N, C-alpha and C. Protein backbone atom coordinates (compact mmCIF):
# COMPACT_ATOMS: atom_id res chain seq x y z
N MET A 1 61.09 -16.87 33.45
CA MET A 1 60.29 -17.43 32.18
C MET A 1 59.00 -16.63 32.51
N PHE A 2 58.61 -16.05 33.29
CA PHE A 2 57.01 -15.29 33.34
C PHE A 2 57.53 -13.90 32.75
N CYS A 3 58.61 -13.18 32.93
CA CYS A 3 58.90 -12.37 32.11
C CYS A 3 59.41 -12.28 30.86
N LEU A 4 59.75 -13.62 30.29
CA LEU A 4 60.00 -13.63 28.91
C LEU A 4 58.65 -13.71 28.16
N HIS A 5 57.37 -14.31 29.06
CA HIS A 5 56.19 -14.43 28.67
C HIS A 5 55.35 -13.30 28.36
N LEU A 6 55.50 -12.37 29.34
CA LEU A 6 55.02 -10.93 29.24
C LEU A 6 55.63 -10.14 28.39
N GLU A 7 57.01 -9.96 27.95
CA GLU A 7 57.36 -9.22 27.15
C GLU A 7 56.99 -9.92 25.72
N THR A 8 56.64 -10.96 25.33
CA THR A 8 56.06 -11.59 24.26
C THR A 8 54.62 -11.08 24.13
N VAL A 9 53.98 -10.86 25.10
CA VAL A 9 52.62 -10.50 25.01
C VAL A 9 52.49 -8.98 24.65
N THR A 10 53.64 -8.25 25.06
CA THR A 10 53.63 -6.60 24.79
C THR A 10 54.11 -6.57 23.51
N ARG A 11 54.89 -7.72 22.73
CA ARG A 11 55.15 -7.32 21.39
C ARG A 11 53.84 -7.95 20.04
N LEU A 12 53.26 -9.19 20.76
CA LEU A 12 52.23 -9.70 20.04
C LEU A 12 50.82 -9.30 20.33
N ALA A 13 50.40 -8.77 21.51
CA ALA A 13 49.00 -8.62 21.74
C ALA A 13 48.99 -7.19 22.27
N VAL A 14 49.74 -6.30 21.50
CA VAL A 14 49.66 -4.69 22.04
C VAL A 14 48.70 -4.02 22.27
N GLN A 15 47.39 -4.60 21.69
CA GLN A 15 46.14 -3.89 21.71
C GLN A 15 45.60 -4.07 23.10
N TYR A 16 46.06 -4.86 24.13
CA TYR A 16 45.68 -4.75 25.29
C TYR A 16 46.07 -3.94 26.16
N PHE A 17 47.00 -3.17 25.71
CA PHE A 17 47.70 -1.90 26.53
C PHE A 17 47.44 -0.55 25.70
N SER A 18 46.35 -0.57 24.98
CA SER A 18 46.09 0.57 24.31
C SER A 18 45.70 1.81 25.15
N LEU A 19 46.49 2.59 25.13
CA LEU A 19 46.23 4.30 26.15
C LEU A 19 44.94 4.72 26.03
N ASP A 20 44.28 4.61 24.80
CA ASP A 20 43.01 5.10 24.44
C ASP A 20 41.97 4.82 25.12
N GLU A 21 41.96 3.44 25.63
CA GLU A 21 40.87 2.70 26.42
C GLU A 21 41.10 2.69 27.98
N VAL A 22 40.02 2.75 28.66
CA VAL A 22 40.43 2.54 30.10
C VAL A 22 40.98 1.20 30.66
N THR A 23 40.68 0.28 29.75
CA THR A 23 41.11 -1.04 30.07
C THR A 23 42.49 -1.35 29.78
N GLY A 24 43.02 -0.53 28.55
CA GLY A 24 44.33 -0.63 28.27
C GLY A 24 44.86 0.31 29.15
N GLN A 25 44.52 1.24 29.79
CA GLN A 25 45.50 2.18 30.63
C GLN A 25 45.40 1.33 31.81
N ILE A 26 44.16 0.79 32.36
CA ILE A 26 44.43 -0.20 33.53
C ILE A 26 45.53 -1.26 33.81
N ASN A 27 45.44 -1.87 32.34
CA ASN A 27 46.49 -2.97 32.02
C ASN A 27 47.81 -2.42 32.06
N THR A 28 48.25 -1.21 31.42
CA THR A 28 49.35 -0.75 31.16
C THR A 28 49.99 -0.20 33.03
N THR A 29 49.13 0.17 33.40
CA THR A 29 49.41 0.48 35.04
C THR A 29 49.66 -0.76 35.65
N ARG A 30 49.00 -1.83 35.51
CA ARG A 30 49.38 -2.87 36.28
C ARG A 30 50.86 -3.56 35.63
N LEU A 31 50.88 -3.34 34.33
CA LEU A 31 52.25 -3.66 33.81
C LEU A 31 53.70 -2.78 34.29
N SER A 32 53.30 -1.57 34.34
CA SER A 32 54.21 -0.73 35.08
C SER A 32 54.60 -1.25 36.54
N GLN A 33 53.63 -1.36 37.31
CA GLN A 33 53.62 -1.67 38.58
C GLN A 33 54.43 -3.29 38.64
N LEU A 34 54.23 -4.45 38.17
CA LEU A 34 54.87 -5.36 37.93
C LEU A 34 56.21 -5.47 37.67
N VAL A 35 56.71 -4.35 36.43
CA VAL A 35 57.96 -4.21 36.27
C VAL A 35 58.89 -3.67 37.41
N PHE A 36 58.32 -2.92 38.03
CA PHE A 36 58.70 -2.02 38.97
C PHE A 36 59.13 -3.08 40.21
N HIS A 37 58.08 -3.92 40.49
CA HIS A 37 58.33 -4.90 41.43
C HIS A 37 59.65 -5.81 41.28
N VAL A 38 59.27 -6.57 39.77
CA VAL A 38 60.45 -7.29 39.55
C VAL A 38 61.85 -6.70 39.61
N VAL A 39 61.99 -5.67 38.92
CA VAL A 39 62.90 -4.90 38.74
C VAL A 39 63.75 -4.87 40.56
N GLN A 40 62.82 -3.96 41.03
CA GLN A 40 63.28 -3.88 42.67
C GLN A 40 63.74 -5.12 43.19
N ARG A 41 62.96 -6.20 43.02
CA ARG A 41 63.51 -7.27 43.83
C ARG A 41 64.63 -8.03 43.14
N THR A 42 64.78 -8.08 41.61
CA THR A 42 65.95 -8.58 41.10
C THR A 42 67.17 -7.96 41.59
N LEU A 43 67.16 -6.45 41.83
CA LEU A 43 68.25 -5.78 41.92
C LEU A 43 68.91 -5.84 43.62
N GLY A 44 67.62 -6.20 44.15
CA GLY A 44 67.83 -6.33 45.75
C GLY A 44 68.37 -7.62 46.22
N HIS A 45 67.96 -8.72 45.41
CA HIS A 45 68.71 -9.95 45.85
C HIS A 45 70.08 -9.91 46.23
N GLN A 46 70.59 -10.48 47.20
CA GLN A 46 72.06 -11.06 47.27
C GLN A 46 72.45 -11.98 46.23
N THR A 47 73.27 -11.64 45.38
CA THR A 47 74.07 -12.59 44.61
C THR A 47 74.24 -13.78 44.93
N THR A 48 73.57 -14.93 44.38
CA THR A 48 73.91 -16.22 44.75
C THR A 48 74.23 -16.81 43.59
N GLU A 49 75.21 -18.03 43.53
CA GLU A 49 75.29 -18.99 42.91
C GLU A 49 74.32 -19.66 41.97
N GLY A 50 74.51 -19.57 40.58
CA GLY A 50 73.49 -20.29 39.89
C GLY A 50 72.30 -19.45 39.38
N PHE A 51 72.18 -18.22 40.30
CA PHE A 51 71.24 -17.16 39.61
C PHE A 51 71.64 -16.29 38.73
N ASP A 52 70.99 -16.30 37.74
CA ASP A 52 71.31 -15.29 36.54
C ASP A 52 70.06 -14.47 36.29
N ASP A 53 70.32 -13.15 37.01
CA ASP A 53 69.44 -12.12 36.95
C ASP A 53 69.23 -11.48 35.44
N LEU A 54 70.02 -11.76 34.40
CA LEU A 54 70.00 -11.42 33.12
C LEU A 54 68.66 -12.19 32.62
N LEU A 55 68.43 -13.42 32.92
CA LEU A 55 66.85 -14.10 32.46
C LEU A 55 65.80 -13.26 32.94
N ILE A 56 65.88 -12.32 33.76
CA ILE A 56 64.82 -11.73 34.30
C ILE A 56 64.93 -10.30 33.64
N LEU A 57 65.88 -9.79 33.86
CA LEU A 57 66.25 -8.03 33.34
C LEU A 57 65.91 -8.02 31.90
N ARG A 58 66.82 -9.06 31.15
CA ARG A 58 66.70 -8.63 29.76
C ARG A 58 64.88 -8.62 29.10
N PRO A 59 64.24 -9.53 29.55
CA PRO A 59 63.11 -9.49 29.08
C PRO A 59 62.18 -8.30 29.66
N VAL A 60 62.36 -7.64 30.98
CA VAL A 60 62.20 -6.69 31.38
C VAL A 60 62.13 -5.33 30.50
N VAL A 61 63.54 -5.29 30.37
CA VAL A 61 63.85 -4.28 29.37
C VAL A 61 63.44 -4.23 28.04
N SER A 62 63.65 -5.53 27.49
CA SER A 62 62.63 -5.77 26.07
C SER A 62 61.06 -5.18 26.06
N LEU A 63 60.38 -5.74 27.02
CA LEU A 63 59.15 -5.33 27.30
C LEU A 63 58.81 -3.64 27.07
N LEU A 64 59.80 -3.02 28.21
CA LEU A 64 59.59 -1.81 28.05
C LEU A 64 60.08 -1.15 26.70
N ALA A 65 61.15 -1.74 25.84
CA ALA A 65 61.58 -1.18 24.67
C ALA A 65 60.04 -1.18 23.59
N ASN A 66 59.39 -2.37 23.65
CA ASN A 66 58.14 -2.74 22.63
C ASN A 66 57.11 -1.66 23.34
N MET A 67 56.78 -1.38 24.30
CA MET A 67 55.76 -0.31 24.75
C MET A 67 56.39 0.78 24.49
N ASN A 68 57.67 1.32 24.38
CA ASN A 68 58.00 2.55 24.04
C ASN A 68 57.59 2.51 22.44
N ALA A 69 58.40 1.41 21.83
CA ALA A 69 58.33 1.38 20.12
C ALA A 69 56.49 1.87 19.66
N GLU A 70 55.87 0.98 20.69
CA GLU A 70 54.30 1.43 20.28
C GLU A 70 53.58 2.34 20.54
N PHE A 71 53.92 2.79 22.00
CA PHE A 71 53.28 4.36 22.47
C PHE A 71 54.20 5.54 22.77
N GLY A 72 55.36 5.29 22.66
CA GLY A 72 56.28 6.50 22.75
C GLY A 72 56.30 7.35 23.96
N HIS A 73 56.21 8.56 24.26
CA HIS A 73 56.36 9.23 25.10
C HIS A 73 54.90 9.31 26.18
N VAL A 74 53.78 9.01 25.35
CA VAL A 74 52.54 8.83 26.36
C VAL A 74 52.74 7.67 27.34
N PHE A 75 53.61 6.61 26.92
CA PHE A 75 53.98 5.18 27.53
C PHE A 75 54.51 5.69 29.09
N LEU A 76 55.90 6.67 28.16
CA LEU A 76 57.05 6.68 29.10
C LEU A 76 56.37 7.81 30.27
N LYS A 77 55.56 8.78 29.86
CA LYS A 77 55.24 10.07 31.13
C LYS A 77 54.22 9.15 31.73
N GLN A 78 53.75 8.23 31.60
CA GLN A 78 52.90 7.23 32.69
C GLN A 78 53.85 6.61 33.30
N LEU A 79 54.93 5.88 32.76
CA LEU A 79 55.77 5.00 33.55
C LEU A 79 56.38 5.92 34.53
N VAL A 80 56.92 7.24 34.20
CA VAL A 80 57.79 7.97 35.18
C VAL A 80 56.81 8.40 36.12
N SER A 81 55.67 8.87 35.63
CA SER A 81 54.62 9.41 36.87
C SER A 81 54.42 8.35 38.15
N ASP A 82 54.38 6.98 37.67
CA ASP A 82 53.90 6.12 38.53
C ASP A 82 54.97 6.13 40.04
N PRO A 83 54.20 5.87 41.13
CA PRO A 83 55.16 6.23 42.38
C PRO A 83 56.04 4.94 42.51
N GLY A 84 56.14 3.89 42.10
CA GLY A 84 56.85 2.87 42.17
C GLY A 84 58.28 3.36 41.09
N PHE A 85 58.39 4.19 40.55
CA PHE A 85 59.40 4.45 39.36
C PHE A 85 60.46 4.91 40.13
N HIS A 86 61.68 4.60 39.95
CA HIS A 86 62.76 4.94 40.49
C HIS A 86 64.09 5.03 39.09
N MET A 87 64.03 5.99 38.82
CA MET A 87 65.21 6.16 37.70
C MET A 87 66.74 5.80 37.92
N ASP A 88 67.11 5.81 39.21
CA ASP A 88 68.55 4.97 39.44
C ASP A 88 68.08 3.40 39.45
N ASN A 89 67.02 3.10 39.50
CA ASN A 89 67.08 1.47 39.48
C ASN A 89 67.18 0.84 37.94
N ILE A 90 66.23 2.18 37.19
CA ILE A 90 66.40 1.83 35.54
C ILE A 90 68.00 1.82 34.99
N GLU A 91 68.69 2.81 35.55
CA GLU A 91 69.86 2.75 35.38
C GLU A 91 71.14 1.68 35.90
N LYS A 92 70.61 1.18 36.64
CA LYS A 92 71.25 0.12 37.21
C LYS A 92 71.12 -1.11 36.39
N VAL A 93 69.91 -1.27 35.90
CA VAL A 93 69.35 -2.62 35.06
C VAL A 93 70.03 -2.18 34.08
N PHE A 94 70.41 -1.22 33.08
CA PHE A 94 71.10 -1.13 32.38
C PHE A 94 72.67 -1.01 32.31
N GLU A 95 73.15 -0.85 33.32
CA GLU A 95 74.28 -1.01 33.46
C GLU A 95 74.65 -2.30 33.88
N LYS A 96 74.11 -2.86 34.64
CA LYS A 96 74.20 -4.41 34.78
C LYS A 96 74.19 -5.26 33.51
N LEU A 97 73.19 -4.89 32.44
CA LEU A 97 73.25 -5.40 31.21
C LEU A 97 74.54 -5.49 30.39
N LYS A 98 75.36 -4.26 30.38
CA LYS A 98 76.22 -3.77 29.77
C LYS A 98 77.38 -4.55 30.67
N LEU A 99 77.52 -4.41 31.76
CA LEU A 99 78.65 -4.73 32.34
C LEU A 99 78.71 -6.40 32.41
N GLN A 100 77.65 -6.97 32.20
CA GLN A 100 77.83 -8.83 32.06
C GLN A 100 77.71 -8.90 30.85
N HIS A 101 78.23 -7.86 29.83
CA HIS A 101 78.27 -8.49 28.45
C HIS A 101 77.33 -9.11 27.89
N ASP A 102 76.07 -9.28 27.96
CA ASP A 102 74.85 -10.17 27.57
C ASP A 102 75.28 -10.33 26.25
N LEU A 103 75.36 -10.97 25.57
CA LEU A 103 75.64 -11.34 24.33
C LEU A 103 74.55 -11.14 23.21
N SER A 104 73.18 -11.02 23.64
CA SER A 104 72.42 -10.74 22.83
C SER A 104 71.76 -9.20 23.03
N PHE A 105 72.70 -8.46 23.82
CA PHE A 105 72.61 -6.91 23.85
C PHE A 105 73.46 -6.22 22.88
N HIS A 106 73.63 -6.38 21.97
CA HIS A 106 74.18 -6.06 20.51
C HIS A 106 73.37 -5.97 19.33
N GLY A 107 73.96 -5.02 18.27
CA GLY A 107 73.37 -4.75 17.54
C GLY A 107 71.87 -4.08 17.41
N SER A 108 70.91 -4.48 16.79
CA SER A 108 69.62 -3.65 17.08
C SER A 108 69.17 -3.80 18.19
N ASP A 109 69.16 -4.56 18.87
CA ASP A 109 68.57 -4.50 20.34
C ASP A 109 69.25 -3.65 20.96
N TYR A 110 70.99 -3.62 21.04
CA TYR A 110 71.68 -2.33 21.62
C TYR A 110 70.92 -0.91 21.24
N ASP A 111 70.76 -0.98 19.93
CA ASP A 111 70.28 0.40 19.36
C ASP A 111 68.78 0.49 20.31
N ARG A 112 67.82 -0.43 20.21
CA ARG A 112 66.68 -0.34 20.67
C ARG A 112 66.75 -0.10 22.27
N PHE A 113 67.65 -0.71 22.84
CA PHE A 113 67.43 -0.39 24.61
C PHE A 113 68.28 1.03 24.93
N SER A 114 69.30 1.13 23.93
CA SER A 114 70.01 2.72 24.04
C SER A 114 68.83 3.85 23.60
N LEU A 115 68.14 3.61 22.68
CA LEU A 115 67.09 4.84 22.27
C LEU A 115 66.24 4.70 23.68
N LEU A 116 65.63 3.43 24.20
CA LEU A 116 64.66 3.46 25.11
C LEU A 116 65.32 4.18 26.50
N LEU A 117 66.52 4.00 27.00
CA LEU A 117 67.17 4.71 28.16
C LEU A 117 67.14 6.29 27.74
N ASP A 118 67.41 6.54 26.59
CA ASP A 118 67.59 7.83 26.27
C ASP A 118 66.10 8.21 26.53
N ASN A 119 64.99 7.86 26.12
CA ASN A 119 63.82 8.53 26.09
C ASN A 119 63.24 8.52 27.46
N ILE A 120 63.55 7.50 28.38
CA ILE A 120 63.45 7.64 29.86
C ILE A 120 64.02 8.55 30.37
N ARG A 121 65.30 8.83 30.29
CA ARG A 121 66.14 9.75 30.69
C ARG A 121 65.11 11.27 30.51
N GLU A 122 64.92 11.45 29.12
CA GLU A 122 64.26 12.74 28.73
C GLU A 122 63.07 13.15 29.28
N VAL A 123 62.32 11.84 29.39
CA VAL A 123 61.08 12.10 30.05
C VAL A 123 61.15 12.24 31.52
N TYR A 124 61.81 11.68 32.25
CA TYR A 124 62.06 11.79 33.49
C TYR A 124 62.77 13.25 33.83
N MET A 125 63.45 13.78 32.99
CA MET A 125 64.17 15.20 33.35
C MET A 125 63.20 16.03 33.31
N LEU A 126 62.23 16.21 32.26
CA LEU A 126 61.46 16.99 32.14
C LEU A 126 60.27 16.75 33.00
N LYS A 127 60.41 15.98 33.69
CA LYS A 127 59.33 15.89 34.70
C LYS A 127 59.72 16.31 36.06
N LYS A 128 60.95 15.96 36.58
CA LYS A 128 61.75 16.36 37.64
C LYS A 128 62.03 17.67 37.57
N ASN A 129 62.32 18.28 36.54
CA ASN A 129 62.65 19.79 36.37
C ASN A 129 61.18 20.50 36.12
N MET A 130 60.16 20.23 36.31
CA MET A 130 58.92 21.15 36.12
C MET A 130 58.79 21.57 37.17
N SER A 131 58.59 22.88 37.16
CA SER A 131 58.22 23.68 38.60
C SER A 131 57.08 23.24 39.31
N SER A 132 56.68 23.67 39.96
CA SER A 132 55.23 23.78 40.64
C SER A 132 54.06 24.91 39.55
N GLU A 133 54.79 25.94 39.46
CA GLU A 133 53.92 27.11 38.58
C GLU A 133 53.73 26.34 37.05
N GLU A 134 54.90 25.66 36.57
CA GLU A 134 54.84 24.98 35.62
C GLU A 134 53.59 23.93 35.33
N ALA A 135 53.64 23.35 36.51
CA ALA A 135 52.57 22.24 36.51
C ALA A 135 51.19 23.07 36.59
N GLU A 136 51.40 24.03 37.37
CA GLU A 136 49.60 24.77 37.61
C GLU A 136 49.26 25.24 36.43
N GLN A 137 50.41 25.86 35.25
CA GLN A 137 49.77 26.27 33.94
C GLN A 137 49.35 25.40 33.29
N MET A 138 50.12 23.91 33.42
CA MET A 138 49.69 23.05 32.34
C MET A 138 48.26 22.76 32.96
N GLY A 139 47.81 22.88 34.21
CA GLY A 139 46.45 22.33 34.80
C GLY A 139 46.78 22.27 35.97
N GLU A 140 45.57 22.00 36.69
CA GLU A 140 45.48 21.68 38.14
C GLU A 140 46.03 20.77 38.53
N VAL A 141 46.55 20.72 39.72
CA VAL A 141 47.25 19.58 40.58
C VAL A 141 46.35 18.46 40.79
N CYS A 142 46.28 17.25 40.80
CA CYS A 142 45.34 16.28 41.59
C CYS A 142 45.47 16.32 43.16
N SER A 143 44.25 16.52 43.52
CA SER A 143 44.31 16.64 44.93
C SER A 143 44.28 15.27 45.59
N ILE A 144 44.44 14.32 45.13
CA ILE A 144 44.54 13.00 45.56
C ILE A 144 45.99 12.58 45.89
N CYS A 145 47.07 12.72 44.80
CA CYS A 145 48.32 12.73 45.10
C CYS A 145 49.28 13.96 45.29
N CYS A 146 48.87 15.21 44.51
CA CYS A 146 49.67 16.20 44.81
C CYS A 146 50.47 16.33 43.98
N THR A 147 50.93 15.80 42.77
CA THR A 147 51.97 15.62 42.03
C THR A 147 51.32 15.69 40.47
N ASN A 148 50.62 15.11 40.05
CA ASN A 148 50.37 14.94 38.61
C ASN A 148 49.15 16.09 38.57
N THR A 149 49.19 16.33 37.11
CA THR A 149 48.27 17.28 36.61
C THR A 149 46.78 16.44 36.36
N ILE A 150 45.53 17.24 36.95
CA ILE A 150 44.52 16.77 36.56
C ILE A 150 44.01 16.48 35.05
N ASP A 151 43.66 15.23 34.59
CA ASP A 151 43.68 15.10 33.08
C ASP A 151 42.82 14.39 32.95
N ARG A 152 41.93 13.84 33.74
CA ARG A 152 40.71 12.52 33.74
C ARG A 152 39.56 13.32 34.52
N LYS A 153 38.56 13.03 33.85
CA LYS A 153 36.81 13.00 34.50
C LYS A 153 36.10 11.98 34.25
N PHE A 154 35.52 11.72 35.66
CA PHE A 154 34.68 10.48 35.66
C PHE A 154 33.12 10.86 35.18
N GLU A 155 32.74 9.67 34.63
CA GLU A 155 31.26 10.05 34.28
C GLU A 155 30.62 9.09 35.07
N PRO A 156 29.25 9.23 35.55
CA PRO A 156 28.38 10.49 35.27
C PRO A 156 28.62 11.56 36.21
N CYS A 157 29.43 11.36 37.23
CA CYS A 157 29.74 12.45 38.54
C CYS A 157 30.10 13.74 38.07
N GLY A 158 31.27 13.62 37.13
CA GLY A 158 32.25 14.75 36.90
C GLY A 158 33.33 15.15 37.51
N HIS A 159 33.55 14.27 38.66
CA HIS A 159 34.81 14.86 39.36
C HIS A 159 36.14 14.28 38.57
N MET A 160 37.27 14.74 38.88
CA MET A 160 38.49 14.71 38.12
C MET A 160 39.51 14.65 39.05
N SER A 161 40.59 13.91 38.45
CA SER A 161 41.67 13.38 39.11
C SER A 161 42.81 13.10 37.93
N CYS A 162 44.13 12.84 38.44
CA CYS A 162 44.94 12.36 37.43
C CYS A 162 44.72 10.95 36.97
N ALA A 163 45.44 10.44 35.91
CA ALA A 163 45.11 9.35 35.11
C ALA A 163 45.69 8.45 36.13
N GLN A 164 46.90 8.54 36.93
CA GLN A 164 47.37 7.36 37.66
C GLN A 164 46.34 7.06 38.94
N CYS A 165 46.23 8.40 39.49
CA CYS A 165 45.18 7.74 40.74
C CYS A 165 43.92 7.23 40.31
N ILE A 166 43.21 7.52 39.45
CA ILE A 166 42.02 6.82 38.96
C ILE A 166 42.36 5.42 38.61
N LEU A 167 43.12 5.43 37.81
CA LEU A 167 43.29 4.18 37.51
C LEU A 167 44.03 2.94 38.41
N ARG A 168 44.83 3.72 39.26
CA ARG A 168 45.06 2.55 40.39
C ARG A 168 43.94 2.23 41.02
N HIS A 169 42.97 3.54 41.40
CA HIS A 169 41.96 3.21 42.39
C HIS A 169 40.85 1.95 41.28
N LEU A 170 40.92 2.45 40.06
CA LEU A 170 39.81 1.46 39.29
C LEU A 170 40.36 -0.01 39.45
N LEU A 171 41.59 -0.59 39.90
CA LEU A 171 41.94 -1.56 40.10
C LEU A 171 41.25 -2.64 40.90
N ASN A 172 40.66 -1.63 42.27
CA ASN A 172 40.14 -2.30 43.32
C ASN A 172 38.38 -2.08 43.28
N GLU A 173 37.95 -0.77 42.70
CA GLU A 173 36.55 -0.59 42.84
C GLU A 173 36.42 0.40 41.40
N ARG A 174 35.13 0.52 41.61
CA ARG A 174 34.52 1.22 40.40
C ARG A 174 33.51 2.33 40.93
N SER A 175 33.91 3.11 41.88
CA SER A 175 33.52 4.25 42.40
C SER A 175 34.33 5.30 42.51
N CYS A 176 33.63 6.48 42.44
CA CYS A 176 34.63 7.84 42.19
C CYS A 176 35.02 7.93 43.61
N PHE A 177 36.28 8.58 43.91
CA PHE A 177 36.88 9.03 44.99
C PHE A 177 36.21 9.69 46.05
N PHE A 178 35.33 10.55 45.52
CA PHE A 178 34.65 11.77 46.20
C PHE A 178 33.23 11.73 46.54
N CYS A 179 32.58 11.09 45.58
CA CYS A 179 31.00 10.76 45.71
C CYS A 179 30.45 9.70 45.89
N LYS A 180 31.33 8.80 45.74
CA LYS A 180 31.06 7.21 45.63
C LYS A 180 30.14 6.68 44.54
N LYS A 181 30.20 7.44 43.55
CA LYS A 181 29.18 7.08 42.66
C LYS A 181 29.81 6.16 41.57
N ASP A 182 29.05 5.02 41.04
CA ASP A 182 29.66 3.99 40.01
C ASP A 182 30.56 4.97 39.00
N VAL A 183 31.56 4.75 38.59
CA VAL A 183 32.24 5.51 37.60
C VAL A 183 32.04 4.39 36.30
N LEU A 184 31.40 5.32 35.44
CA LEU A 184 30.98 4.38 33.90
C LEU A 184 31.81 4.53 32.79
N LYS A 185 32.62 5.72 32.94
CA LYS A 185 33.50 6.01 31.92
C LYS A 185 34.30 7.20 32.58
N VAL A 186 35.94 6.94 32.28
CA VAL A 186 36.58 8.02 32.20
C VAL A 186 36.88 8.86 31.15
N ILE A 187 37.00 9.80 31.06
CA ILE A 187 37.60 10.73 29.87
C ILE A 187 38.75 11.59 30.12
N ASP A 188 39.66 11.24 29.06
CA ASP A 188 40.65 11.82 28.90
C ASP A 188 40.65 13.56 28.72
N VAL A 189 40.49 14.44 29.69
CA VAL A 189 40.09 15.70 29.22
C VAL A 189 41.59 16.65 28.72
N SER A 190 42.64 15.93 28.71
CA SER A 190 43.83 16.51 27.84
C SER A 190 44.02 16.43 26.58
N LYS A 191 43.00 15.88 25.85
CA LYS A 191 42.74 15.42 24.80
C LYS A 191 41.51 16.95 24.02
N ILE A 192 40.88 17.38 25.07
CA ILE A 192 39.73 18.17 24.56
C ILE A 192 40.04 19.63 24.12
């Protein structure tokens, strides 16, 4: 039931996930982490009689489709950059929906979900196939995770990291990783 409510929120109150604002980015990061946790727990359970995992997985996929429709590749790049992301789990979810012949997984929903899966695969493959030289050409690699490109600057101190690291850090505290000064604003330097 919780997943169904969350799916409804991403459809009706999408402004809470705006990737242009720090609060929206934090909410999107939390949403991604929650989705990965739910998917891993649902796929990892032993099948028991009376447990219908489609009641959990279908709203999760619909939630991802809503976010993809609203924010496109910007959201998907953030999604696949999260340390909790596992492409094989996403593939298993879609396969499970198809194998169990979910009656609501037809028509426009099927088209939406197929487009979502294709888009996730595309963004995942682009990230996976990017060499370290290409990542360096795009920008300096974050010194915290050593994976993502630096694309955020903290104000007023001016230190920098990738969006994933600072957003995860801001969930717990409002100080800079490096100098411990309060972070009053996070600037997306990739748009400058």
